[in-house]
Amino acid sequence: MQVSIKGSVSNEVNSGEVVTITVTHPDETQETITATTDDNGQFTASVDEVPGTGYSAQAHIDADAEYQAADSSVVTFDVNKGPRTLVLQVG
């Protein structure tokens, strides 16, 4: 299942800055993905995860010449199973 991860950095950001997102799986393994900011400080990334409960994610942006590094709060989430349809015909 594809999971979309979105966030924003305060207005003290330049377009194209790299945000590192660490996703922790229910079995405590970690996956690191990156996203880049747009002109408004927004970023979006996606990961493919298997259904389960107890995932978490945290974003980080490095310091630059003017601003300190920053970390988001940890966000927990679950990945639900996708829907499917079963059709039965008789006769």
C-alpha atoms as a PDB file:
ATOM      1  CA  MET A   1       0.000   0.000   0.000  1.00  0.00           C
ATOM      2  CA  GLN A   2       1.346   3.399  -0.905  1.00  0.00           C
ATOM      3  CA  VAL A   3       1.426   5.887   1.965  1.00  0.00           C
ATOM      4  CA  SER A   4       1.688   9.634   1.308  1.00  0.00           C
ATOM      5  CA  ILE A   5       3.715  11.696   3.774  1.00  0.00           C
ATOM      6  CA  LYS A   6       3.275  15.465   3.658  1.00  0.00           C
ATOM      7  CA  GLY A   7       4.576  18.355   5.715  1.00  0.00           C
ATOM      8  CA  SER A   8       5.821  21.897   5.728  1.00  0.00           C
ATOM      9  CA  VAL A   9       8.733  23.945   6.965  1.00  0.00           C
ATOM     10  CA  SER A  10       8.265  27.460   8.315  1.00  0.00           C
ATOM     11  CA  ASN A  11       8.768  30.306   5.859  1.00  0.00           C
ATOM     12  CA  GLU A  12      12.504  30.378   6.631  1.00  0.00           C
ATOM     13  CA  VAL A  13      13.164  27.849   3.863  1.00  0.00           C
ATOM     14  CA  ASN A  14      14.382  27.942   0.289  1.00  0.00           C
ATOM     15  CA  SER A  15      12.812  25.930  -2.491  1.00  0.00           C
ATOM     16  CA  GLY A  16      14.673  22.666  -3.045  1.00  0.00           C
ATOM     17  CA  GLU A  17      15.881  22.111   0.524  1.00  0.00           C
ATOM     18  CA  VAL A  18      16.097  18.441   1.476  1.00  0.00           C
ATOM     19  CA  VAL A  19      13.890  17.008   4.201  1.00  0.00           C
ATOM     20  CA  THR A  20      14.829  13.566   5.529  1.00  0.00           C
ATOM     21  CA  ILE A  21      11.962  11.398   6.745  1.00  0.00           C
ATOM     22  CA  THR A  22      12.604   8.353   8.901  1.00  0.00           C
ATOM     23  CA  VAL A  23       9.837   5.756   8.880  1.00  0.00           C
ATOM     24  CA  THR A  24       9.918   3.179  11.671  1.00  0.00           C
ATOM     25  CA  HIS A  25       8.151  -0.097  10.919  1.00  0.00           C
ATOM     26  CA  PRO A  26       6.185  -2.148  13.464  1.00  0.00           C
ATOM     27  CA  ASP A  27       9.175  -4.523  13.761  1.00  0.00           C
ATOM     28  CA  GLU A  28      11.397  -1.501  14.656  1.00  0.00           C
ATOM     29  CA  THR A  29      13.321  -1.531  11.357  1.00  0.00           C
ATOM     30  CA  GLN A  30      13.774   1.914   9.844  1.00  0.00           C
ATOM     31  CA  GLU A  31      13.555   3.294   6.341  1.00  0.00           C
ATOM     32  CA  THR A  32      14.851   6.719   5.309  1.00  0.00           C
ATOM     33  CA  ILE A  33      13.327   8.674   2.436  1.00  0.00           C
ATOM     34  CA  THR A  34      13.890  12.224   1.247  1.00  0.00           C
ATOM     35  CA  ALA A  35      11.694  14.991  -0.092  1.00  0.00           C
ATOM     36  CA  THR A  36      12.436  18.504  -1.310  1.00  0.00           C
ATOM     37  CA  THR A  37      10.639  21.683  -0.351  1.00  0.00           C
ATOM     38  CA  ASP A  38       8.700  23.787  -2.825  1.00  0.00           C
ATOM     39  CA  ASP A  39       8.471  27.604  -2.893  1.00  0.00           C
ATOM     40  CA  ASN A  40       5.998  27.531   0.014  1.00  0.00           C
ATOM     41  CA  GLY A  41       8.056  25.184   2.205  1.00  0.00           C
ATOM     42  CA  GLN A  42       5.755  22.226   1.490  1.00  0.00           C
ATOM     43  CA  PHE A  43       7.104  18.727   0.865  1.00  0.00           C
ATOM     44  CA  THR A  44       5.575  15.384  -0.111  1.00  0.00           C
ATOM     45  CA  ALA A  45       6.977  11.875  -0.255  1.00  0.00           C
ATOM     46  CA  SER A  46       5.504   8.408  -0.531  1.00  0.00           C
ATOM     47  CA  VAL A  47       6.517   4.955   0.622  1.00  0.00           C
ATOM     48  CA  ASP A  48       5.194   1.492  -0.080  1.00  0.00           C
ATOM     49  CA  GLU A  49       4.337  -0.299   3.153  1.00  0.00           C
ATOM     50  CA  VAL A  50       2.588  -3.525   4.055  1.00  0.00           C
ATOM     51  CA  PRO A  51      -0.613  -3.317   6.076  1.00  0.00           C
ATOM     52  CA  GLY A  52      -0.011  -3.212   9.796  1.00  0.00           C
ATOM     53  CA  THR A  53      -0.274  -1.135  12.937  1.00  0.00           C
ATOM     54  CA  GLY A  54       2.375   0.813  14.785  1.00  0.00           C
ATOM     55  CA  TYR A  55       4.270   2.703  12.086  1.00  0.00           C
ATOM     56  CA  SER A  56       5.819   6.074  12.914  1.00  0.00           C
ATOM     57  CA  ALA A  57       7.533   8.835  10.973  1.00  0.00           C
ATOM     58  CA  GLN A  58       9.660  11.846  11.812  1.00  0.00           C
ATOM     59  CA  ALA A  59      11.021  14.547   9.491  1.00  0.00           C
ATOM     60  CA  HIS A  60      14.337  16.392   9.801  1.00  0.00           C
ATOM     61  CA  ILE A  61      15.835  19.374   7.978  1.00  0.00           C
ATOM     62  CA  ASP A  62      19.509  20.243   8.353  1.00  0.00           C
ATOM     63  CA  ALA A  63      20.840  23.578   9.519  1.00  0.00           C
ATOM     64  CA  ASP A  64      21.954  26.117   6.935  1.00  0.00           C
ATOM     65  CA  ALA A  65      23.893  29.380   7.127  1.00  0.00           C
ATOM     66  CA  GLU A  66      20.940  31.194   8.723  1.00  0.00           C
ATOM     67  CA  TYR A  67      18.739  28.652  10.512  1.00  0.00           C
ATOM     68  CA  GLN A  68      19.108  25.793  12.948  1.00  0.00           C
ATOM     69  CA  ALA A  69      18.270  22.198  12.112  1.00  0.00           C
ATOM     70  CA  ALA A  70      14.722  21.172  12.965  1.00  0.00           C
ATOM     71  CA  ASP A  71      12.884  17.937  13.723  1.00  0.00           C
ATOM     72  CA  SER A  72       9.157  17.345  13.494  1.00  0.00           C
ATOM     73  CA  SER A  73       7.258  15.567  16.191  1.00  0.00           C
ATOM     74  CA  VAL A  74       6.913  11.819  15.737  1.00  0.00           C
ATOM     75  CA  VAL A  75       3.667  10.911  13.964  1.00  0.00           C
ATOM     76  CA  THR A  76       2.231   7.415  14.358  1.00  0.00           C
ATOM     77  CA  PHE A  77       0.055   5.769  11.749  1.00  0.00           C
ATOM     78  CA  ASP A  78      -1.417   2.456  10.637  1.00  0.00           C
ATOM     79  CA  VAL A  79      -1.588   1.037   7.137  1.00  0.00           C
ATOM     80  CA  ASN A  80      -4.990  -0.498   6.432  1.00  0.00           C
ATOM     81  CA  LYS A  81      -5.584  -3.340   4.053  1.00  0.00           C
ATOM     82  CA  GLY A  82      -6.903  -2.268   0.669  1.00  0.00           C
ATOM     83  CA  PRO A  83     -10.445  -3.078  -0.462  1.00  0.00           C
ATOM     84  CA  ARG A  84     -11.268  -5.858  -2.869  1.00  0.00           C
ATOM     85  CA  THR A  85     -14.399  -7.316  -4.374  1.00  0.00           C
ATOM     86  CA  LEU A  86     -15.368 -10.948  -4.674  1.00  0.00           C
ATOM     87  CA  VAL A  87     -18.061 -11.890  -7.183  1.00  0.00           C
ATOM     88  CA  LEU A  88     -19.697 -15.316  -7.183  1.00  0.00           C
ATOM     89  CA  GLN A  89     -21.929 -16.536  -9.990  1.00  0.00           C
ATOM     90  CA  VAL A  90     -23.949 -19.728 -10.075  1.00  0.00           C
ATOM     91  CA  GLY A  91     -25.709 -21.248 -13.065  1.00  0.00           C
END
